[in-house]
Amino acid sequence: MKLRIANCELRMPPDRAAGLPDANSSFEIRRSKFARAFTLIEVMVVMVLLSVIVLVLMAVFNSTQTAFRASVTQAGVLESGRAAMDLMAEDLRAMSPSSGTNYDTTQAWPFLGAGYGAVNFCNAVLTTNVSPPSPLVQPMVGGSSQRVNVLENFFILSRGSANGVPTWYGVGYAVATNSPSGSLYSLYRFYAQTNTHADPRALFNAYASEINSGQWTNMSHLMDGVVALTVRAYDNNGVWLTNGYANLTNMTVENAWFSPPVYGEVEFALFSNTLPASVQVEMGVLEDRALQRAESIPNSSAQASYLAGCAGQVHVFRQRVSIANVDPSAYQ
């Protein structure tokens, strides 16, 4: 039996008629949410791009910080090194002859015995078995050669006036590889004075006693990290005063004592009216960060091995100082 339905029509909800999803349809809801979200691939691509950007920014920041620390370190080394060099140069320019007792050539070593006059200027190479080592041998960066950082201590006699009283001044410089304070390669300055009626030899004797004591409590601590310090004396023709100087044609030096070369440097002592016409000072200073790292190493052999590899962190200062009180007749 069949029934006929009259006046039948299909009606759609208003939202469906407008092309919007049905609120009662779970399928349409899930489809809508899926269309508005990111895919897993898109999220991974974004994360990779953000990671690359962060890494690039970190590299730029790290390089900037490294350059900043290097510039600060170099500025500190240059400032302290120049100040020390200027102080040495000022003391050297004031060098004066004692014009006292001539040097007794019968003495095998001029600093022992009473047969020598006052020391005008002298140096000595530090070769004792110390830790860290002296000289400090460092292979050069990018080559097979080596740099031998020689340490010398030197003494200067000068004459002036203190409160209107004629006065002798004795100034000395020395480096302690391991100072009493625990610092490495510390530069010290000795200073003493006496009136001109006293024997100026007492000033050098006081300096030598202070060096031999190993305490250096009466010396001023100038700076740390001085791994190399050498002084060379020259005559008025610019010739280096060495132990072979007397063998040069028509050139002899009275009241002067020279040693055989030690690590390429020559120990000497000048007496009476003999002064150099000029003095060259060379100083090598280790950067603060490398020095602090070395001081933190408790083992002496490991410390020496680390310092040997720091040739690239050593800044070299060199200056030639003219001596105004030189007597040219001392070289005739």
C-alpha atoms as a PDB file:
ATOM      1  CA  MET A   1       0.000   0.000   0.000  1.00  0.00           C
ATOM      2  CA  LYS A   2       1.444   3.317  -0.935  1.00  0.00           C
ATOM      3  CA  LEU A   3       0.877   6.632   0.807  1.00  0.00           C
ATOM      4  CA  ARG A   4       1.211   9.930  -1.006  1.00  0.00           C
ATOM      5  CA  ILE A   5       2.687  12.891   0.899  1.00  0.00           C
ATOM      6  CA  ALA A   6       1.571  16.202  -0.360  1.00  0.00           C
ATOM      7  CA  ASN A   7       3.281  19.564  -0.013  1.00  0.00           C
ATOM      8  CA  CYS A   8       6.669  18.142   1.226  1.00  0.00           C
ATOM      9  CA  GLU A   9       9.796  20.382   1.173  1.00  0.00           C
ATOM     10  CA  LEU A  10      13.417  20.077   2.430  1.00  0.00           C
ATOM     11  CA  ARG A  11      14.558  22.850   4.712  1.00  0.00           C
ATOM     12  CA  MET A  12      18.144  23.496   5.759  1.00  0.00           C
ATOM     13  CA  PRO A  13      19.234  25.317   8.893  1.00  0.00           C
ATOM     14  CA  PRO A  14      20.186  28.940   8.342  1.00  0.00           C
ATOM     15  CA  ASP A  15      23.842  28.371   9.135  1.00  0.00           C
ATOM     16  CA  ARG A  16      24.080  25.486   6.707  1.00  0.00           C
ATOM     17  CA  ALA A  17      22.385  27.549   4.062  1.00  0.00           C
ATOM     18  CA  ALA A  18      24.990  30.266   4.512  1.00  0.00           C
ATOM     19  CA  GLY A  19      27.791  27.746   4.018  1.00  0.00           C
ATOM     20  CA  LEU A  20      28.757  27.606   7.698  1.00  0.00           C
ATOM     21  CA  PRO A  21      29.364  24.354   9.523  1.00  0.00           C
ATOM     22  CA  ASP A  22      26.580  22.900  11.582  1.00  0.00           C
ATOM     23  CA  ALA A  23      27.104  23.429  15.285  1.00  0.00           C
ATOM     24  CA  ASN A  24      25.601  19.982  15.935  1.00  0.00           C
ATOM     25  CA  SER A  25      27.966  18.252  13.546  1.00  0.00           C
ATOM     26  CA  SER A  26      31.076  16.828  15.250  1.00  0.00           C
ATOM     27  CA  PHE A  27      32.707  16.192  11.869  1.00  0.00           C
ATOM     28  CA  GLU A  28      32.419  19.818  10.862  1.00  0.00           C
ATOM     29  CA  ILE A  29      33.835  20.931  14.231  1.00  0.00           C
ATOM     30  CA  ARG A  30      36.873  18.688  13.947  1.00  0.00           C
ATOM     31  CA  ARG A  31      37.442  19.812  10.376  1.00  0.00           C
ATOM     32  CA  SER A  32      37.299  23.475  11.399  1.00  0.00           C
ATOM     33  CA  LYS A  33      39.782  23.000  14.199  1.00  0.00           C
ATOM     34  CA  PHE A  34      42.150  21.077  11.953  1.00  0.00           C
ATOM     35  CA  ALA A  35      42.108  23.866   9.390  1.00  0.00           C
ATOM     36  CA  ARG A  36      43.065  26.568  11.906  1.00  0.00           C
ATOM     37  CA  ALA A  37      46.159  24.706  13.503  1.00  0.00           C
ATOM     38  CA  PHE A  38      49.851  24.278  12.348  1.00  0.00           C
ATOM     39  CA  THR A  39      51.153  21.019  11.025  1.00  0.00           C
ATOM     40  CA  LEU A  40      54.026  19.217  12.735  1.00  0.00           C
ATOM     41  CA  ILE A  41      56.347  19.976   9.821  1.00  0.00           C
ATOM     42  CA  GLU A  42      55.586  23.673  10.052  1.00  0.00           C
ATOM     43  CA  VAL A  43      56.336  23.694  13.785  1.00  0.00           C
ATOM     44  CA  MET A  44      59.638  21.865  13.251  1.00  0.00           C
ATOM     45  CA  VAL A  45      60.686  24.275  10.498  1.00  0.00           C
ATOM     46  CA  VAL A  46      59.976  27.253  12.739  1.00  0.00           C
ATOM     47  CA  MET A  47      61.928  25.707  15.610  1.00  0.00           C
ATOM     48  CA  VAL A  48      64.923  25.050  13.333  1.00  0.00           C
ATOM     49  CA  LEU A  49      64.862  28.620  12.054  1.00  0.00           C
ATOM     50  CA  LEU A  50      64.644  30.030  15.583  1.00  0.00           C
ATOM     51  CA  SER A  51      67.520  27.782  16.694  1.00  0.00           C
ATOM     52  CA  VAL A  52      69.680  29.003  13.814  1.00  0.00           C
ATOM     53  CA  ILE A  53      68.895  32.629  14.658  1.00  0.00           C
ATOM     54  CA  VAL A  54      69.736  32.061  18.360  1.00  0.00           C
ATOM     55  CA  LEU A  55      73.004  30.337  17.480  1.00  0.00           C
ATOM     56  CA  VAL A  56      74.005  33.170  15.142  1.00  0.00           C
ATOM     57  CA  LEU A  57      73.194  35.759  17.792  1.00  0.00           C
ATOM     58  CA  MET A  58      75.166  33.816  20.397  1.00  0.00           C
ATOM     59  CA  ALA A  59      78.172  33.610  18.050  1.00  0.00           C
ATOM     60  CA  VAL A  60      78.018  37.338  17.378  1.00  0.00           C
ATOM     61  CA  PHE A  61      77.688  38.095  21.090  1.00  0.00           C
ATOM     62  CA  ASN A  62      80.552  35.751  21.973  1.00  0.00           C
ATOM     63  CA  SER A  63      82.861  37.269  19.343  1.00  0.00           C
ATOM     64  CA  THR A  64      81.988  40.744  20.591  1.00  0.00           C
ATOM     65  CA  GLN A  65      82.727  39.767  24.180  1.00  0.00           C
ATOM     66  CA  THR A  66      86.000  38.120  23.137  1.00  0.00           C
ATOM     67  CA  ALA A  67      87.111  41.230  21.262  1.00  0.00           C
ATOM     68  CA  PHE A  68      86.099  43.416  24.202  1.00  0.00           C
ATOM     69  CA  ARG A  69      88.031  41.287  26.719  1.00  0.00           C
ATOM     70  CA  ALA A  70      91.069  41.229  24.429  1.00  0.00           C
ATOM     71  CA  SER A  71      91.021  45.004  24.043  1.00  0.00           C
ATOM     72  CA  VAL A  72      90.661  45.500  27.807  1.00  0.00           C
ATOM     73  CA  THR A  73      93.533  43.077  28.458  1.00  0.00           C
ATOM     74  CA  GLN A  74      95.779  44.752  25.902  1.00  0.00           C
ATOM     75  CA  ALA A  75      94.936  48.191  27.253  1.00  0.00           C
ATOM     76  CA  GLY A  76      95.870  47.076  30.774  1.00  0.00           C
ATOM     77  CA  VAL A  77      99.140  45.493  29.646  1.00  0.00           C
ATOM     78  CA  LEU A  78     100.072  48.519  27.534  1.00  0.00           C
ATOM     79  CA  GLU A  79      99.271  50.947  30.331  1.00  0.00           C
ATOM     80  CA  SER A  80     101.278  49.135  33.014  1.00  0.00           C
ATOM     81  CA  GLY A  81     104.115  48.295  30.618  1.00  0.00           C
ATOM     82  CA  ARG A  82     104.510  51.871  29.415  1.00  0.00           C
ATOM     83  CA  ALA A  83     104.401  53.187  32.980  1.00  0.00           C
ATOM     84  CA  ALA A  84     107.185  50.794  34.017  1.00  0.00           C
ATOM     85  CA  MET A  85     109.272  51.645  30.940  1.00  0.00           C
ATOM     86  CA  ASP A  86     108.873  55.379  31.550  1.00  0.00           C
ATOM     87  CA  LEU A  87     110.008  54.936  35.161  1.00  0.00           C
ATOM     88  CA  MET A  88     113.091  52.986  34.074  1.00  0.00           C
ATOM     89  CA  ALA A  89     113.908  55.532  31.392  1.00  0.00           C
ATOM     90  CA  GLU A  90     113.678  58.380  33.898  1.00  0.00           C
ATOM     91  CA  ASP A  91     116.051  56.611  36.289  1.00  0.00           C
ATOM     92  CA  LEU A  92     118.496  55.784  33.482  1.00  0.00           C
ATOM     93  CA  ARG A  93     118.641  59.375  32.208  1.00  0.00           C
ATOM     94  CA  ALA A  94     119.731  60.524  35.668  1.00  0.00           C
ATOM     95  CA  MET A  95     122.702  58.119  35.722  1.00  0.00           C
ATOM     96  CA  SER A  96     125.890  59.805  36.986  1.00  0.00           C
ATOM     97  CA  PRO A  97     129.525  58.684  37.337  1.00  0.00           C
ATOM     98  CA  SER A  98     130.966  58.159  40.804  1.00  0.00           C
ATOM     99  CA  SER A  99     134.428  59.365  39.649  1.00  0.00           C
ATOM    100  CA  GLY A 100     135.819  57.558  42.668  1.00  0.00           C
ATOM    101  CA  THR A 101     138.253  54.696  43.080  1.00  0.00           C
ATOM    102  CA  ASN A 102     139.146  53.042  39.808  1.00  0.00           C
ATOM    103  CA  TYR A 103     138.158  49.468  39.261  1.00  0.00           C
ATOM    104  CA  ASP A 104     140.759  46.978  40.470  1.00  0.00           C
ATOM    105  CA  THR A 105     141.330  44.626  37.533  1.00  0.00           C
ATOM    106  CA  THR A 106     142.896  42.029  39.831  1.00  0.00           C
ATOM    107  CA  GLN A 107     139.473  41.217  41.286  1.00  0.00           C
ATOM    108  CA  ALA A 108     137.938  38.159  39.617  1.00  0.00           C
ATOM    109  CA  TRP A 109     134.446  39.318  40.496  1.00  0.00           C
ATOM    110  CA  PRO A 110     133.942  43.046  41.021  1.00  0.00           C
ATOM    111  CA  PHE A 111     131.133  42.736  43.527  1.00  0.00           C
ATOM    112  CA  LEU A 112     133.226  40.864  46.095  1.00  0.00           C
ATOM    113  CA  GLY A 113     136.071  42.403  48.038  1.00  0.00           C
ATOM    114  CA  ALA A 114     137.020  46.032  48.622  1.00  0.00           C
ATOM    115  CA  GLY A 115     139.200  46.585  45.582  1.00  0.00           C
ATOM    116  CA  TYR A 116     136.661  48.282  43.374  1.00  0.00           C
ATOM    117  CA  GLY A 117     135.110  51.693  43.208  1.00  0.00           C
ATOM    118  CA  ALA A 118     131.456  52.575  43.334  1.00  0.00           C
ATOM    119  CA  VAL A 119     129.293  50.883  40.728  1.00  0.00           C
ATOM    120  CA  ASN A 120     127.841  53.384  38.267  1.00  0.00           C
ATOM    121  CA  PHE A 121     125.796  50.916  36.282  1.00  0.00           C
ATOM    122  CA  CYS A 122     125.660  47.123  36.210  1.00  0.00           C
ATOM    123  CA  ASN A 123     123.442  44.168  35.374  1.00  0.00           C
ATOM    124  CA  ALA A 124     123.291  40.452  36.133  1.00  0.00           C
ATOM    125  CA  VAL A 125     121.402  37.594  34.475  1.00  0.00           C
ATOM    126  CA  LEU A 126     119.037  35.517  36.600  1.00  0.00           C
ATOM    127  CA  THR A 127     120.029  31.904  35.912  1.00  0.00           C
ATOM    128  CA  THR A 128     119.246  30.204  39.206  1.00  0.00           C
ATOM    129  CA  ASN A 129     117.049  27.121  39.324  1.00  0.00           C
ATOM    130  CA  VAL A 130     113.739  28.801  40.079  1.00  0.00           C
ATOM    131  CA  SER A 131     110.120  27.887  39.503  1.00  0.00           C
ATOM    132  CA  PRO A 132     108.671  29.107  37.208  1.00  0.00           C
ATOM    133  CA  PRO A 133     111.829  28.864  35.116  1.00  0.00           C
ATOM    134  CA  SER A 134     114.209  31.612  34.130  1.00  0.00           C
ATOM    135  CA  PRO A 135     114.857  32.034  31.312  1.00  0.00           C
ATOM    136  CA  LEU A 136     111.432  31.049  30.062  1.00  0.00           C
ATOM    137  CA  VAL A 137     111.776  29.367  26.651  1.00  0.00           C
ATOM    138  CA  GLN A 138     108.702  29.746  24.434  1.00  0.00           C
ATOM    139  CA  PRO A 139     108.232  28.279  20.928  1.00  0.00           C
ATOM    140  CA  MET A 140     107.165  31.042  18.581  1.00  0.00           C
ATOM    141  CA  VAL A 141     103.663  30.934  17.113  1.00  0.00           C
ATOM    142  CA  GLY A 142     103.573  29.635  13.540  1.00  0.00           C
ATOM    143  CA  GLY A 143     107.269  28.769  13.329  1.00  0.00           C
ATOM    144  CA  SER A 144     110.027  26.488  14.568  1.00  0.00           C
ATOM    145  CA  SER A 145     112.105  29.186  16.312  1.00  0.00           C
ATOM    146  CA  GLN A 146     112.116  29.781  20.053  1.00  0.00           C
ATOM    147  CA  ARG A 147     112.115  32.907  22.169  1.00  0.00           C
ATOM    148  CA  VAL A 148     114.423  32.850  25.195  1.00  0.00           C
ATOM    149  CA  ASN A 149     113.011  35.288  27.757  1.00  0.00           C
ATOM    150  CA  VAL A 150     116.098  36.364  29.710  1.00  0.00           C
ATOM    151  CA  LEU A 151     115.657  38.136  33.051  1.00  0.00           C
ATOM    152  CA  GLU A 152     118.271  40.639  34.219  1.00  0.00           C
ATOM    153  CA  ASN A 153     118.443  42.796  37.307  1.00  0.00           C
ATOM    154  CA  PHE A 154     120.321  46.093  37.076  1.00  0.00           C
ATOM    155  CA  PHE A 155     121.534  48.922  39.305  1.00  0.00           C
ATOM    156  CA  ILE A 156     121.832  52.656  38.545  1.00  0.00           C
ATOM    157  CA  LEU A 157     123.817  55.267  40.462  1.00  0.00           C
ATOM    158  CA  SER A 158     122.774  58.898  40.138  1.00  0.00           C
ATOM    159  CA  ARG A 159     123.479  62.208  41.842  1.00  0.00           C
ATOM    160  CA  GLY A 160     121.125  65.028  42.751  1.00  0.00           C
ATOM    161  CA  SER A 161     119.884  67.154  45.579  1.00  0.00           C
ATOM    162  CA  ALA A 162     117.455  66.375  48.400  1.00  0.00           C
ATOM    163  CA  ASN A 163     116.219  69.463  50.280  1.00  0.00           C
ATOM    164  CA  GLY A 164     119.252  71.396  49.060  1.00  0.00           C
ATOM    165  CA  VAL A 165     121.729  68.715  50.207  1.00  0.00           C
ATOM    166  CA  PRO A 166     123.900  66.984  47.546  1.00  0.00           C
ATOM    167  CA  THR A 167     122.797  63.367  47.510  1.00  0.00           C
ATOM    168  CA  TRP A 168     123.696  60.032  45.937  1.00  0.00           C
ATOM    169  CA  TYR A 169     120.782  57.902  44.727  1.00  0.00           C
ATOM    170  CA  GLY A 170     120.805  54.171  44.118  1.00  0.00           C
ATOM    171  CA  VAL A 171     118.015  52.599  42.061  1.00  0.00           C
ATOM    172  CA  GLY A 172     117.706  48.961  41.069  1.00  0.00           C
ATOM    173  CA  TYR A 173     115.250  46.771  39.196  1.00  0.00           C
ATOM    174  CA  ALA A 174     114.787  43.024  39.553  1.00  0.00           C
ATOM    175  CA  VAL A 175     112.204  40.349  38.747  1.00  0.00           C
ATOM    176  CA  ALA A 176     111.172  37.577  41.133  1.00  0.00           C
ATOM    177  CA  THR A 177     109.784  34.598  39.222  1.00  0.00           C
ATOM    178  CA  ASN A 178     107.833  33.622  42.328  1.00  0.00           C
ATOM    179  CA  SER A 179     107.514  36.593  44.649  1.00  0.00           C
ATOM    180  CA  PRO A 180     106.911  36.339  48.408  1.00  0.00           C
ATOM    181  CA  SER A 181     103.292  37.420  47.769  1.00  0.00           C
ATOM    182  CA  GLY A 182     102.735  34.429  45.477  1.00  0.00           C
ATOM    183  CA  SER A 183     102.596  36.395  42.226  1.00  0.00           C
ATOM    184  CA  LEU A 184     104.574  35.202  39.198  1.00  0.00           C
ATOM    185  CA  TYR A 185     107.325  37.220  37.510  1.00  0.00           C
ATOM    186  CA  SER A 186     106.937  40.287  39.725  1.00  0.00           C
ATOM    187  CA  LEU A 187     108.953  43.409  38.906  1.00  0.00           C
ATOM    188  CA  TYR A 188     110.449  45.216  41.921  1.00  0.00           C
ATOM    189  CA  ARG A 189     112.204  48.565  42.272  1.00  0.00           C
ATOM    190  CA  PHE A 190     114.917  49.322  44.836  1.00  0.00           C
ATOM    191  CA  TYR A 191     115.535  52.867  46.024  1.00  0.00           C
ATOM    192  CA  ALA A 192     118.029  54.295  48.540  1.00  0.00           C
ATOM    193  CA  GLN A 193     119.940  57.529  49.037  1.00  0.00           C
ATOM    194  CA  THR A 194     122.841  58.934  51.018  1.00  0.00           C
ATOM    195  CA  ASN A 195     124.636  62.263  51.137  1.00  0.00           C
ATOM    196  CA  THR A 196     127.645  62.792  48.942  1.00  0.00           C
ATOM    197  CA  HIS A 197     130.012  62.718  51.932  1.00  0.00           C
ATOM    198  CA  ALA A 198     129.259  58.997  52.321  1.00  0.00           C
ATOM    199  CA  ASP A 199     130.729  56.244  50.139  1.00  0.00           C
ATOM    200  CA  PRO A 200     128.299  55.577  47.249  1.00  0.00           C
ATOM    201  CA  ARG A 201     129.390  51.926  47.265  1.00  0.00           C
ATOM    202  CA  ALA A 202     127.045  51.465  50.222  1.00  0.00           C
ATOM    203  CA  LEU A 203     124.061  51.960  47.920  1.00  0.00           C
ATOM    204  CA  PHE A 204     124.992  49.081  45.660  1.00  0.00           C
ATOM    205  CA  ASN A 205     125.847  46.907  48.660  1.00  0.00           C
ATOM    206  CA  ALA A 206     122.367  47.569  50.088  1.00  0.00           C
ATOM    207  CA  TYR A 207     120.812  46.660  46.750  1.00  0.00           C
ATOM    208  CA  ALA A 208     122.831  43.439  46.486  1.00  0.00           C
ATOM    209  CA  SER A 209     121.932  42.469  50.062  1.00  0.00           C
ATOM    210  CA  GLU A 210     118.245  42.996  49.337  1.00  0.00           C
ATOM    211  CA  ILE A 211     118.441  40.799  46.229  1.00  0.00           C
ATOM    212  CA  ASN A 212     120.351  38.054  48.033  1.00  0.00           C
ATOM    213  CA  SER A 213     117.883  38.007  50.927  1.00  0.00           C
ATOM    214  CA  GLY A 214     115.092  36.747  48.668  1.00  0.00           C
ATOM    215  CA  GLN A 215     112.442  38.656  50.643  1.00  0.00           C
ATOM    216  CA  TRP A 216     112.627  42.071  48.978  1.00  0.00           C
ATOM    217  CA  THR A 217     110.568  43.685  51.725  1.00  0.00           C
ATOM    218  CA  ASN A 218     112.321  47.035  51.211  1.00  0.00           C
ATOM    219  CA  MET A 219     111.577  47.145  47.492  1.00  0.00           C
ATOM    220  CA  SER A 220     108.506  48.476  45.696  1.00  0.00           C
ATOM    221  CA  HIS A 221     106.292  45.998  43.827  1.00  0.00           C
ATOM    222  CA  LEU A 222     105.589  47.546  40.419  1.00  0.00           C
ATOM    223  CA  MET A 223     103.779  44.906  38.337  1.00  0.00           C
ATOM    224  CA  ASP A 224     103.443  41.179  37.618  1.00  0.00           C
ATOM    225  CA  GLY A 225     103.940  39.069  34.517  1.00  0.00           C
ATOM    226  CA  VAL A 226     107.360  40.427  33.462  1.00  0.00           C
ATOM    227  CA  VAL A 227     108.799  37.284  31.854  1.00  0.00           C
ATOM    228  CA  ALA A 228     111.682  39.097  30.088  1.00  0.00           C
ATOM    229  CA  LEU A 229     113.851  42.069  31.079  1.00  0.00           C
ATOM    230  CA  THR A 230     117.206  42.914  29.511  1.00  0.00           C
ATOM    231  CA  VAL A 231     119.425  46.004  29.348  1.00  0.00           C
ATOM    232  CA  ARG A 232     122.221  46.658  26.859  1.00  0.00           C
ATOM    233  CA  ALA A 233     124.800  49.433  27.095  1.00  0.00           C
ATOM    234  CA  TYR A 234     126.130  51.265  24.007  1.00  0.00           C
ATOM    235  CA  ASP A 235     129.018  53.664  23.465  1.00  0.00           C
ATOM    236  CA  ASN A 236     128.828  57.084  21.783  1.00  0.00           C
ATOM    237  CA  ASN A 237     129.206  55.408  18.354  1.00  0.00           C
ATOM    238  CA  GLY A 238     126.260  53.113  18.954  1.00  0.00           C
ATOM    239  CA  VAL A 239     128.420  50.005  19.457  1.00  0.00           C
ATOM    240  CA  TRP A 240     127.134  47.431  21.940  1.00  0.00           C
ATOM    241  CA  LEU A 241     129.423  47.183  24.969  1.00  0.00           C
ATOM    242  CA  THR A 242     130.261  43.477  25.316  1.00  0.00           C
ATOM    243  CA  ASN A 243     133.083  41.329  26.618  1.00  0.00           C
ATOM    244  CA  GLY A 244     134.647  41.519  23.129  1.00  0.00           C
ATOM    245  CA  TYR A 245     134.499  45.304  23.025  1.00  0.00           C
ATOM    246  CA  ALA A 246     138.189  45.743  23.893  1.00  0.00           C
ATOM    247  CA  ASN A 247     139.137  43.651  20.839  1.00  0.00           C
ATOM    248  CA  LEU A 248     137.604  46.165  18.447  1.00  0.00           C
ATOM    249  CA  THR A 249     140.011  48.467  16.616  1.00  0.00           C
ATOM    250  CA  ASN A 250     141.048  51.520  18.674  1.00  0.00           C
ATOM    251  CA  MET A 251     138.302  50.897  21.213  1.00  0.00           C
ATOM    252  CA  THR A 252     138.954  50.110  24.847  1.00  0.00           C
ATOM    253  CA  VAL A 253     136.895  50.708  27.948  1.00  0.00           C
ATOM    254  CA  GLU A 254     138.606  51.621  31.203  1.00  0.00           C
ATOM    255  CA  ASN A 255     136.940  50.841  34.505  1.00  0.00           C
ATOM    256  CA  ALA A 256     134.583  48.323  32.962  1.00  0.00           C
ATOM    257  CA  TRP A 257     134.026  44.632  33.588  1.00  0.00           C
ATOM    258  CA  PHE A 258     132.285  42.238  31.202  1.00  0.00           C
ATOM    259  CA  SER A 259     131.282  38.598  31.529  1.00  0.00           C
ATOM    260  CA  PRO A 260     131.066  35.900  28.861  1.00  0.00           C
ATOM    261  CA  PRO A 261     127.667  35.884  27.141  1.00  0.00           C
ATOM    262  CA  VAL A 262     124.832  34.281  29.090  1.00  0.00           C
ATOM    263  CA  TYR A 263     121.874  33.314  26.868  1.00  0.00           C
ATOM    264  CA  GLY A 264     123.036  35.926  24.374  1.00  0.00           C
ATOM    265  CA  GLU A 265     123.280  38.721  26.956  1.00  0.00           C
ATOM    266  CA  VAL A 266     126.432  40.145  28.566  1.00  0.00           C
ATOM    267  CA  GLU A 267     126.746  40.975  32.241  1.00  0.00           C
ATOM    268  CA  PHE A 268     128.758  44.128  32.918  1.00  0.00           C
ATOM    269  CA  ALA A 269     129.718  46.662  35.574  1.00  0.00           C
ATOM    270  CA  LEU A 270     130.906  50.231  34.946  1.00  0.00           C
ATOM    271  CA  PHE A 271     133.003  52.207  37.459  1.00  0.00           C
ATOM    272  CA  SER A 272     134.689  55.586  38.000  1.00  0.00           C
ATOM    273  CA  ASN A 273     133.900  57.942  35.084  1.00  0.00           C
ATOM    274  CA  THR A 274     132.636  55.219  32.712  1.00  0.00           C
ATOM    275  CA  LEU A 275     129.019  55.472  31.647  1.00  0.00           C
ATOM    276  CA  PRO A 276     127.210  54.187  28.562  1.00  0.00           C
ATOM    277  CA  ALA A 277     126.178  56.711  25.953  1.00  0.00           C
ATOM    278  CA  SER A 278     122.804  54.993  25.650  1.00  0.00           C
ATOM    279  CA  VAL A 279     120.959  52.047  27.161  1.00  0.00           C
ATOM    280  CA  GLN A 280     118.392  49.836  25.486  1.00  0.00           C
ATOM    281  CA  VAL A 281     115.741  48.293  27.716  1.00  0.00           C
ATOM    282  CA  GLU A 282     113.578  45.416  26.495  1.00  0.00           C
ATOM    283  CA  MET A 283     110.720  44.030  28.564  1.00  0.00           C
ATOM    284  CA  GLY A 284     108.240  41.228  27.837  1.00  0.00           C
ATOM    285  CA  VAL A 285     104.942  41.291  29.744  1.00  0.00           C
ATOM    286  CA  LEU A 286     102.480  38.390  29.904  1.00  0.00           C
ATOM    287  CA  GLU A 287      98.758  39.140  29.556  1.00  0.00           C
ATOM    288  CA  ASP A 288      96.733  39.151  32.762  1.00  0.00           C
ATOM    289  CA  ARG A 289      94.413  36.273  31.804  1.00  0.00           C
ATOM    290  CA  ALA A 290      97.326  33.983  30.933  1.00  0.00           C
ATOM    291  CA  LEU A 291      99.140  35.011  34.115  1.00  0.00           C
ATOM    292  CA  GLN A 292      96.089  34.307  36.291  1.00  0.00           C
ATOM    293  CA  ARG A 293      95.648  30.921  34.641  1.00  0.00           C
ATOM    294  CA  ALA A 294      99.287  30.067  35.344  1.00  0.00           C
ATOM    295  CA  GLU A 295      98.979  31.146  38.971  1.00  0.00           C
ATOM    296  CA  SER A 296      95.987  28.820  39.406  1.00  0.00           C
ATOM    297  CA  ILE A 297      98.015  25.748  38.350  1.00  0.00           C
ATOM    298  CA  PRO A 298      99.421  24.096  41.499  1.00  0.00           C
ATOM    299  CA  ASN A 299     101.869  21.748  39.772  1.00  0.00           C
ATOM    300  CA  SER A 300     105.161  23.480  38.912  1.00  0.00           C
ATOM    301  CA  SER A 301     105.920  21.358  35.836  1.00  0.00           C
ATOM    302  CA  ALA A 302     102.401  21.864  34.448  1.00  0.00           C
ATOM    303  CA  GLN A 303     102.704  25.568  35.200  1.00  0.00           C
ATOM    304  CA  ALA A 304     105.990  25.808  33.296  1.00  0.00           C
ATOM    305  CA  SER A 305     104.520  23.838  30.385  1.00  0.00           C
ATOM    306  CA  TYR A 306     101.542  26.180  30.193  1.00  0.00           C
ATOM    307  CA  LEU A 307     103.732  29.303  30.304  1.00  0.00           C
ATOM    308  CA  ALA A 308     105.939  27.871  27.553  1.00  0.00           C
ATOM    309  CA  GLY A 309     102.905  27.826  25.247  1.00  0.00           C
ATOM    310  CA  CYS A 310     101.949  31.461  25.882  1.00  0.00           C
ATOM    311  CA  ALA A 311     104.311  33.141  23.417  1.00  0.00           C
ATOM    312  CA  GLY A 312     101.333  34.760  21.703  1.00  0.00           C
ATOM    313  CA  GLN A 313     100.267  36.400  24.975  1.00  0.00           C
ATOM    314  CA  VAL A 314     103.594  38.185  25.594  1.00  0.00           C
ATOM    315  CA  HIS A 315     103.780  41.902  24.728  1.00  0.00           C
ATOM    316  CA  VAL A 316     107.294  43.240  24.098  1.00  0.00           C
ATOM    317  CA  PHE A 317     108.339  46.802  24.985  1.00  0.00           C
ATOM    318  CA  ARG A 318     111.662  48.270  23.796  1.00  0.00           C
ATOM    319  CA  GLN A 319     113.163  51.718  24.352  1.00  0.00           C
ATOM    320  CA  ARG A 320     116.601  53.297  23.754  1.00  0.00           C
ATOM    321  CA  VAL A 321     117.522  55.888  26.402  1.00  0.00           C
ATOM    322  CA  SER A 322     120.306  58.458  25.937  1.00  0.00           C
ATOM    323  CA  ILE A 323     122.580  59.172  28.913  1.00  0.00           C
ATOM    324  CA  ALA A 324     123.351  62.887  29.211  1.00  0.00           C
ATOM    325  CA  ASN A 325     126.247  62.540  31.704  1.00  0.00           C
ATOM    326  CA  VAL A 326     128.378  60.291  29.495  1.00  0.00           C
ATOM    327  CA  ASP A 327     132.101  61.121  29.272  1.00  0.00           C
ATOM    328  CA  PRO A 328     133.375  60.403  25.718  1.00  0.00           C
ATOM    329  CA  SER A 329     136.961  60.193  27.004  1.00  0.00           C
ATOM    330  CA  ALA A 330     136.071  56.909  28.721  1.00  0.00           C
ATOM    331  CA  TYR A 331     136.077  55.235  25.296  1.00  0.00           C
ATOM    332  CA  GLN A 332     139.407  56.657  24.037  1.00  0.00           C
END
